[in-house]
N, C-alpha and C. Protein backbone atom coordinates (compact mmCIF):
# COMPACT_ATOMS: atom_id res chain seq x y z
N UNK A 1 35.03 -29.19 7.23
CA UNK A 1 35.82 -28.45 6.35
C UNK A 1 35.27 -26.55 6.53
N UNK A 2 34.02 -26.96 6.48
CA UNK A 2 33.29 -25.94 6.40
C UNK A 2 33.43 -24.61 7.63
N UNK A 3 33.61 -25.35 8.40
CA UNK A 3 33.56 -24.86 9.77
C UNK A 3 34.73 -24.08 10.14
N UNK A 4 35.91 -24.94 9.37
CA UNK A 4 37.50 -24.49 9.67
C UNK A 4 37.14 -22.96 8.70
N UNK A 5 36.80 -22.91 7.77
CA UNK A 5 36.78 -21.73 6.74
C UNK A 5 35.92 -20.69 7.63
N UNK A 6 34.66 -21.12 8.38
CA UNK A 6 33.79 -19.97 8.93
C UNK A 6 34.93 -19.47 10.08
N UNK A 7 35.93 -20.04 10.65
CA UNK A 7 36.20 -19.84 11.54
C UNK A 7 37.73 -18.52 11.03
N UNK A 8 37.96 -18.98 10.08
CA UNK A 8 39.16 -18.63 9.38
C UNK A 8 38.71 -17.21 8.91
N UNK A 9 37.21 -16.83 8.31
CA UNK A 9 36.70 -15.40 7.83
C UNK A 9 36.27 -15.05 8.75
N UNK A 10 36.09 -15.42 9.80
CA UNK A 10 35.68 -14.69 11.41
C UNK A 10 36.91 -14.26 11.99
N UNK A 11 38.10 -14.70 11.56
CA UNK A 11 38.97 -14.41 12.13
C UNK A 11 39.80 -13.58 11.77
N UNK A 12 39.63 -13.17 10.12
CA UNK A 12 40.39 -12.44 9.42
C UNK A 12 39.01 -10.98 10.01
N UNK A 13 38.27 -11.17 9.82
CA UNK A 13 37.10 -10.22 9.84
C UNK A 13 37.39 -9.32 11.49
N UNK A 14 37.62 -10.23 12.20
CA UNK A 14 38.11 -9.44 13.82
C UNK A 14 39.51 -9.08 13.58
N UNK A 15 40.02 -9.30 13.22
CA UNK A 15 41.33 -8.84 13.27
C UNK A 15 41.65 -7.71 12.44
N UNK A 16 40.67 -7.45 11.02
CA UNK A 16 40.69 -6.60 10.10
C UNK A 16 39.93 -5.22 11.06
N UNK A 17 38.80 -5.57 11.51
CA UNK A 17 38.10 -4.54 12.62
C UNK A 17 39.36 -3.54 13.85
N UNK A 18 40.01 -5.40 14.35
CA UNK A 18 40.96 -4.66 15.23
C UNK A 18 41.70 -3.52 14.68
N UNK A 19 42.59 -3.89 13.42
CA UNK A 19 43.61 -3.35 13.15
C UNK A 19 42.85 -1.65 12.63
N UNK A 20 41.64 -1.70 12.16
CA UNK A 20 40.72 -1.05 11.58
C UNK A 20 40.76 0.25 13.02
N UNK A 21 40.30 -0.14 14.13
CA UNK A 21 39.84 0.84 15.30
C UNK A 21 41.34 1.05 15.94
N UNK A 22 42.61 0.31 15.44
CA UNK A 22 43.91 0.75 15.92
C UNK A 22 44.47 1.93 15.39
N UNK A 23 43.63 2.00 14.04
CA UNK A 23 43.80 3.07 13.23
C UNK A 23 43.41 4.32 13.54
N UNK A 24 41.79 4.12 13.83
CA UNK A 24 40.68 4.92 13.76
C UNK A 24 41.32 5.20 15.42
N UNK A 25 41.54 4.99 16.25
CA UNK A 25 41.12 5.38 17.39
C UNK A 25 42.75 4.76 18.06
N UNK A 26 43.79 5.53 18.18
CA UNK A 26 45.47 5.36 18.83
C UNK A 26 45.12 5.43 19.91
N UNK A 27 44.38 5.52 20.91
CA UNK A 27 44.23 5.70 22.74
C UNK A 27 43.80 4.32 22.76
N UNK A 28 44.20 3.99 23.95
CA UNK A 28 43.78 2.36 23.86
C UNK A 28 42.57 2.61 24.80
N UNK A 29 42.14 3.64 25.54
CA UNK A 29 40.91 3.56 26.28
C UNK A 29 39.69 3.21 25.03
N UNK A 30 40.21 3.50 23.95
CA UNK A 30 38.82 3.49 22.81
C UNK A 30 38.95 2.00 21.98
N UNK A 31 39.46 1.27 22.29
CA UNK A 31 39.77 -0.16 21.57
C UNK A 31 39.04 -0.80 22.38
N UNK A 32 38.03 -1.10 21.86
CA UNK A 32 37.16 -2.94 22.09
C UNK A 32 37.37 -3.81 21.51
N UNK A 33 37.64 -4.75 22.15
CA UNK A 33 38.21 -6.46 21.70
C UNK A 33 37.20 -7.30 21.53
């Protein structure tokens, strides 16, 4: 259960960073996944 919760938080963190990157850098060249 702890592992799935940790994975969920990491996934949410990665998605928030990805969306933040989209907002800050609209150019596809500057987006690092």
